[in-house]
PDB file of N, CA and C in Angstrom:
ATOM      1  N   MET A   1     -21.369  24.429 -42.483  1.00  0.00           N
ATOM      2  CA  MET A   1     -21.271  23.018 -42.294  1.00  0.00           C
ATOM      3  C   MET A   1     -21.628  22.711 -40.839  1.00  0.00           C
ATOM      4  N   ALA A   2     -22.372  21.670 -40.673  1.00  0.00           N
ATOM      5  CA  ALA A   2     -22.806  21.203 -39.371  1.00  0.00           C
ATOM      6  C   ALA A   2     -21.668  20.721 -38.523  1.00  0.00           C
ATOM      7  N   LYS A   3     -21.830  20.928 -37.205  1.00  0.00           N
ATOM      8  CA  LYS A   3     -20.762  20.492 -36.261  1.00  0.00           C
ATOM      9  C   LYS A   3     -20.844  19.043 -36.058  1.00  0.00           C
ATOM     10  N   GLN A   4     -19.691  18.401 -36.101  1.00  0.00           N
ATOM     11  CA  GLN A   4     -19.611  16.964 -35.872  1.00  0.00           C
ATOM     12  C   GLN A   4     -19.357  16.695 -34.352  1.00  0.00           C
ATOM     13  N   HIS A   5     -20.137  15.870 -33.813  1.00  0.00           N
ATOM     14  CA  HIS A   5     -19.993  15.417 -32.458  1.00  0.00           C
ATOM     15  C   HIS A   5     -19.472  14.069 -32.407  1.00  0.00           C
ATOM     16  N   ASP A   6     -18.515  13.768 -31.501  1.00  0.00           N
ATOM     17  CA  ASP A   6     -18.012  12.336 -31.417  1.00  0.00           C
ATOM     18  C   ASP A   6     -18.938  11.504 -30.703  1.00  0.00           C
ATOM     19  N   LYS A   7     -18.758  10.154 -30.808  1.00  0.00           N
ATOM     20  CA  LYS A   7     -19.633   9.160 -30.308  1.00  0.00           C
ATOM     21  C   LYS A   7     -19.803   9.338 -28.840  1.00  0.00           C
ATOM     22  N   GLN A   8     -18.758   9.623 -28.099  1.00  0.00           N
ATOM     23  CA  GLN A   8     -18.860   9.716 -26.632  1.00  0.00           C
ATOM     24  C   GLN A   8     -19.788  10.956 -26.268  1.00  0.00           C
ATOM     25  N   PHE A   9     -19.690  12.021 -26.905  1.00  0.00           N
ATOM     26  CA  PHE A   9     -20.593  13.167 -26.657  1.00  0.00           C
ATOM     27  C   PHE A   9     -22.003  12.720 -26.811  1.00  0.00           C
ATOM     28  N   LYS A  10     -22.312  12.059 -27.904  1.00  0.00           N
ATOM     29  CA  LYS A  10     -23.659  11.581 -28.222  1.00  0.00           C
ATOM     30  C   LYS A  10     -24.191  10.637 -27.179  1.00  0.00           C
ATOM     31  N   LEU A  11     -23.297   9.740 -26.705  1.00  0.00           N
ATOM     32  CA  LEU A  11     -23.763   8.786 -25.626  1.00  0.00           C
ATOM     33  C   LEU A  11     -23.962   9.595 -24.339  1.00  0.00           C
ATOM     34  N   ASP A  12     -23.065  10.530 -24.009  1.00  0.00           N
ATOM     35  CA  ASP A  12     -23.273  11.344 -22.818  1.00  0.00           C
ATOM     36  C   ASP A  12     -24.512  12.171 -22.935  1.00  0.00           C
ATOM     37  N   ALA A  13     -24.929  12.656 -24.099  1.00  0.00           N
ATOM     38  CA  ALA A  13     -26.097  13.410 -24.221  1.00  0.00           C
ATOM     39  C   ALA A  13     -27.368  12.540 -23.947  1.00  0.00           C
ATOM     40  N   VAL A  14     -27.339  11.317 -24.506  1.00  0.00           N
ATOM     41  CA  VAL A  14     -28.467  10.375 -24.206  1.00  0.00           C
ATOM     42  C   VAL A  14     -28.519  10.127 -22.767  1.00  0.00           C
ATOM     43  N   GLN A  15     -27.340   9.855 -22.062  1.00  0.00           N
ATOM     44  CA  GLN A  15     -27.390   9.618 -20.621  1.00  0.00           C
ATOM     45  C   GLN A  15     -27.891  10.841 -19.861  1.00  0.00           C
ATOM     46  N   TYR A  16     -27.481  11.991 -20.267  1.00  0.00           N
ATOM     47  CA  TYR A  16     -27.898  13.242 -19.650  1.00  0.00           C
ATOM     48  C   TYR A  16     -29.463  13.358 -19.664  1.00  0.00           C
ATOM     49  N   TYR A  17     -29.971  13.105 -20.896  1.00  0.00           N
ATOM     50  CA  TYR A  17     -31.484  13.121 -20.991  1.00  0.00           C
ATOM     51  C   TYR A  17     -32.106  12.099 -20.032  1.00  0.00           C
ATOM     52  N   GLN A  18     -31.543  10.836 -20.019  1.00  0.00           N
ATOM     53  CA  GLN A  18     -32.125   9.813 -19.151  1.00  0.00           C
ATOM     54  C   GLN A  18     -32.060  10.216 -17.688  1.00  0.00           C
ATOM     55  N   ASP A  19     -31.016  10.947 -17.304  1.00  0.00           N
ATOM     56  CA  ASP A  19     -30.905  11.352 -15.921  1.00  0.00           C
ATOM     57  C   ASP A  19     -31.723  12.610 -15.621  1.00  0.00           C
ATOM     58  N   HIS A  20     -32.124  13.357 -16.600  1.00  0.00           N
ATOM     59  CA  HIS A  20     -32.863  14.630 -16.425  1.00  0.00           C
ATOM     60  C   HIS A  20     -34.156  14.689 -17.235  1.00  0.00           C
ATOM     61  N   LYS A  21     -34.875  13.616 -17.309  1.00  0.00           N
ATOM     62  CA  LYS A  21     -36.114  13.597 -18.128  1.00  0.00           C
ATOM     63  C   LYS A  21     -37.079  14.713 -17.722  1.00  0.00           C
ATOM     64  N   GLU A  22     -37.018  15.190 -16.497  1.00  0.00           N
ATOM     65  CA  GLU A  22     -37.939  16.290 -16.063  1.00  0.00           C
ATOM     66  C   GLU A  22     -37.685  17.547 -16.896  1.00  0.00           C
ATOM     67  N   LEU A  23     -36.561  17.673 -17.495  1.00  0.00           N
ATOM     68  CA  LEU A  23     -36.290  18.835 -18.296  1.00  0.00           C
ATOM     69  C   LEU A  23     -36.880  18.745 -19.659  1.00  0.00           C
ATOM     70  N   GLY A  24     -37.231  17.538 -20.028  1.00  0.00           N
ATOM     71  CA  GLY A  24     -37.708  17.311 -21.429  1.00  0.00           C
ATOM     72  C   GLY A  24     -36.517  17.300 -22.417  1.00  0.00           C
ATOM     73  N   VAL A  25     -36.883  16.879 -23.654  1.00  0.00           N
ATOM     74  CA  VAL A  25     -35.840  16.837 -24.724  1.00  0.00           C
ATOM     75  C   VAL A  25     -35.325  18.240 -24.977  1.00  0.00           C
ATOM     76  N   ARG A  26     -36.291  19.129 -25.168  1.00  0.00           N
ATOM     77  CA  ARG A  26     -35.933  20.497 -25.527  1.00  0.00           C
ATOM     78  C   ARG A  26     -35.010  21.179 -24.471  1.00  0.00           C
ATOM     79  N   GLY A  27     -35.331  21.038 -23.247  1.00  0.00           N
ATOM     80  CA  GLY A  27     -34.500  21.593 -22.140  1.00  0.00           C
ATOM     81  C   GLY A  27     -33.101  21.001 -22.096  1.00  0.00           C
ATOM     82  N   CYS A  28     -33.018  19.662 -22.234  1.00  0.00           N
ATOM     83  CA  CYS A  28     -31.774  18.951 -22.248  1.00  0.00           C
ATOM     84  C   CYS A  28     -30.923  19.439 -23.390  1.00  0.00           C
ATOM     85  N   ALA A  29     -31.548  19.537 -24.602  1.00  0.00           N
ATOM     86  CA  ALA A  29     -30.753  19.963 -25.782  1.00  0.00           C
ATOM     87  C   ALA A  29     -30.249  21.371 -25.570  1.00  0.00           C
ATOM     88  N   GLU A  30     -31.037  22.287 -25.055  1.00  0.00           N
ATOM     89  CA  GLU A  30     -30.590  23.654 -24.783  1.00  0.00           C
ATOM     90  C   GLU A  30     -29.423  23.624 -23.801  1.00  0.00           C
ATOM     91  N   ASN A  31     -29.558  22.849 -22.679  1.00  0.00           N
ATOM     92  CA  ASN A  31     -28.445  22.787 -21.766  1.00  0.00           C
ATOM     93  C   ASN A  31     -27.194  22.236 -22.379  1.00  0.00           C
ATOM     94  N   LEU A  32     -27.236  21.321 -23.381  1.00  0.00           N
ATOM     95  CA  LEU A  32     -26.095  20.733 -23.985  1.00  0.00           C
ATOM     96  C   LEU A  32     -25.546  21.590 -25.150  1.00  0.00           C
ATOM     97  N   GLY A  33     -26.380  22.550 -25.557  1.00  0.00           N
ATOM     98  CA  GLY A  33     -25.902  23.416 -26.683  1.00  0.00           C
ATOM     99  C   GLY A  33     -26.081  22.712 -28.041  1.00  0.00           C
ATOM    100  N   ILE A  34     -27.096  21.797 -28.106  1.00  0.00           N
ATOM    101  CA  ILE A  34     -27.347  21.139 -29.390  1.00  0.00           C
ATOM    102  C   ILE A  34     -28.815  21.352 -29.796  1.00  0.00           C
ATOM    103  N   GLY A  35     -29.192  21.027 -30.949  1.00  0.00           N
ATOM    104  CA  GLY A  35     -30.547  21.223 -31.403  1.00  0.00           C
ATOM    105  C   GLY A  35     -31.465  20.151 -30.937  1.00  0.00           C
ATOM    106  N   TYR A  36     -32.728  20.533 -30.763  1.00  0.00           N
ATOM    107  CA  TYR A  36     -33.809  19.584 -30.353  1.00  0.00           C
ATOM    108  C   TYR A  36     -33.878  18.371 -31.214  1.00  0.00           C
ATOM    109  N   SER A  37     -33.828  18.599 -32.580  1.00  0.00           N
ATOM    110  CA  SER A  37     -33.984  17.543 -33.552  1.00  0.00           C
ATOM    111  C   SER A  37     -32.778  16.641 -33.471  1.00  0.00           C
ATOM    112  N   THR A  38     -31.600  17.175 -33.213  1.00  0.00           N
ATOM    113  CA  THR A  38     -30.316  16.419 -33.079  1.00  0.00           C
ATOM    114  C   THR A  38     -30.473  15.431 -31.917  1.00  0.00           C
ATOM    115  N   LEU A  39     -30.839  15.927 -30.747  1.00  0.00           N
ATOM    116  CA  LEU A  39     -30.935  15.047 -29.570  1.00  0.00           C
ATOM    117  C   LEU A  39     -32.067  13.995 -29.787  1.00  0.00           C
ATOM    118  N   THR A  40     -33.188  14.444 -30.412  1.00  0.00           N
ATOM    119  CA  THR A  40     -34.209  13.440 -30.696  1.00  0.00           C
ATOM    120  C   THR A  40     -33.782  12.302 -31.581  1.00  0.00           C
ATOM    121  N   LYS A  41     -32.994  12.635 -32.583  1.00  0.00           N
ATOM    122  CA  LYS A  41     -32.373  11.590 -33.507  1.00  0.00           C
ATOM    123  C   LYS A  41     -31.500  10.673 -32.722  1.00  0.00           C
ATOM    124  N   TRP A  42     -30.622  11.185 -31.914  1.00  0.00           N
ATOM    125  CA  TRP A  42     -29.752  10.361 -31.050  1.00  0.00           C
ATOM    126  C   TRP A  42     -30.493   9.426 -30.140  1.00  0.00           C
ATOM    127  N   LEU A  43     -31.525   9.960 -29.515  1.00  0.00           N
ATOM    128  CA  LEU A  43     -32.379   9.183 -28.617  1.00  0.00           C
ATOM    129  C   LEU A  43     -33.042   8.017 -29.372  1.00  0.00           C
ATOM    130  N   LYS A  44     -33.529   8.366 -30.587  1.00  0.00           N
ATOM    131  CA  LYS A  44     -34.225   7.389 -31.426  1.00  0.00           C
ATOM    132  C   LYS A  44     -33.254   6.262 -31.830  1.00  0.00           C
ATOM    133  N   ASP A  45     -32.041   6.654 -32.255  1.00  0.00           N
ATOM    134  CA  ASP A  45     -31.055   5.720 -32.655  1.00  0.00           C
ATOM    135  C   ASP A  45     -30.651   4.807 -31.549  1.00  0.00           C
ATOM    136  N   PHE A  46     -30.477   5.327 -30.328  1.00  0.00           N
ATOM    137  CA  PHE A  46     -30.067   4.582 -29.155  1.00  0.00           C
ATOM    138  C   PHE A  46     -31.216   3.636 -28.776  1.00  0.00           C
ATOM    139  N   ARG A  47     -32.374   4.110 -28.807  1.00  0.00           N
ATOM    140  CA  ARG A  47     -33.621   3.218 -28.440  1.00  0.00           C
ATOM    141  C   ARG A  47     -33.664   2.044 -29.420  1.00  0.00           C
ATOM    142  N   GLU A  48     -33.435   2.247 -30.717  1.00  0.00           N
ATOM    143  CA  GLU A  48     -33.645   1.225 -31.706  1.00  0.00           C
ATOM    144  C   GLU A  48     -32.488   0.229 -31.721  1.00  0.00           C
ATOM    145  N   SER A  49     -31.243   0.684 -31.465  1.00  0.00           N
ATOM    146  CA  SER A  49     -30.146  -0.225 -31.589  1.00  0.00           C
ATOM    147  C   SER A  49     -29.279  -0.399 -30.319  1.00  0.00           C
ATOM    148  N   GLY A  50     -29.526   0.439 -29.323  1.00  0.00           N
ATOM    149  CA  GLY A  50     -28.681   0.415 -28.127  1.00  0.00           C
ATOM    150  C   GLY A  50     -27.307   1.023 -28.269  1.00  0.00           C
ATOM    151  N   ASP A  51     -27.133   1.749 -29.477  1.00  0.00           N
ATOM    152  CA  ASP A  51     -25.845   2.369 -29.776  1.00  0.00           C
ATOM    153  C   ASP A  51     -26.238   3.535 -30.613  1.00  0.00           C
ATOM    154  N   ILE A  52     -25.225   4.329 -30.889  1.00  0.00           N
ATOM    155  CA  ILE A  52     -25.337   5.501 -31.772  1.00  0.00           C
ATOM    156  C   ILE A  52     -24.322   5.385 -32.924  1.00  0.00           C
ATOM    157  N   PRO A  53     -24.845   5.296 -34.156  1.00  0.00           N
ATOM    158  CA  PRO A  53     -23.909   5.205 -35.300  1.00  0.00           C
ATOM    159  C   PRO A  53     -23.137   6.523 -35.459  1.00  0.00           C
ATOM    160  N   VAL A  54     -21.916   6.404 -35.861  1.00  0.00           N
ATOM    161  CA  VAL A  54     -21.137   7.566 -36.125  1.00  0.00           C
ATOM    162  C   VAL A  54     -20.792   7.647 -37.656  1.00  0.00           C
ATOM    163  N   ARG A  55     -21.123   8.777 -38.249  1.00  0.00           N
ATOM    164  CA  ARG A  55     -20.805   8.923 -39.646  1.00  0.00           C
ATOM    165  C   ARG A  55     -19.307   9.128 -39.859  1.00  0.00           C
ATOM    166  N   GLY A  56     -18.827   8.680 -40.989  1.00  0.00           N
ATOM    167  CA  GLY A  56     -17.474   8.987 -41.381  1.00  0.00           C
ATOM    168  C   GLY A  56     -17.350  10.436 -41.837  1.00  0.00           C
ATOM    169  N   SER A  57     -16.191  10.850 -42.162  1.00  0.00           N
ATOM    170  CA  SER A  57     -15.904  12.177 -42.583  1.00  0.00           C
ATOM    171  C   SER A  57     -16.473  12.503 -43.914  1.00  0.00           C
ATOM    172  N   GLY A  58     -16.648  11.400 -44.751  1.00  0.00           N
ATOM    173  CA  GLY A  58     -17.059  11.611 -46.096  1.00  0.00           C
ATOM    174  C   GLY A  58     -15.917  11.992 -47.089  1.00  0.00           C
ATOM    175  N   ASN A  59     -14.740  12.144 -46.451  1.00  0.00           N
ATOM    176  CA  ASN A  59     -13.582  12.626 -47.273  1.00  0.00           C
ATOM    177  C   ASN A  59     -12.738  11.420 -47.608  1.00  0.00           C
ATOM    178  N   TYR A  60     -13.019  10.848 -48.776  1.00  0.00           N
ATOM    179  CA  TYR A  60     -12.327   9.634 -49.246  1.00  0.00           C
ATOM    180  C   TYR A  60     -11.292   9.892 -50.300  1.00  0.00           C
ATOM    181  N   ALA A  61     -10.969  11.173 -50.464  1.00  0.00           N
ATOM    182  CA  ALA A  61      -9.972  11.485 -51.542  1.00  0.00           C
ATOM    183  C   ALA A  61      -8.571  11.125 -51.052  1.00  0.00           C
TER     184      ALA A  61
END
């Protein structure tokens, strides 16, 4: 099962990238311990909406 990150972590990751663009997305993702594609998606979501949507747990039972 994939690790769930809270909204604040995602926003902090986007801010980290913005503050350290010289590292590139891959370098920032490695430093944060997340996948390249994960950070890329968060950056895209933030660029498009100015926020990062948070998925629910999916457990509605």
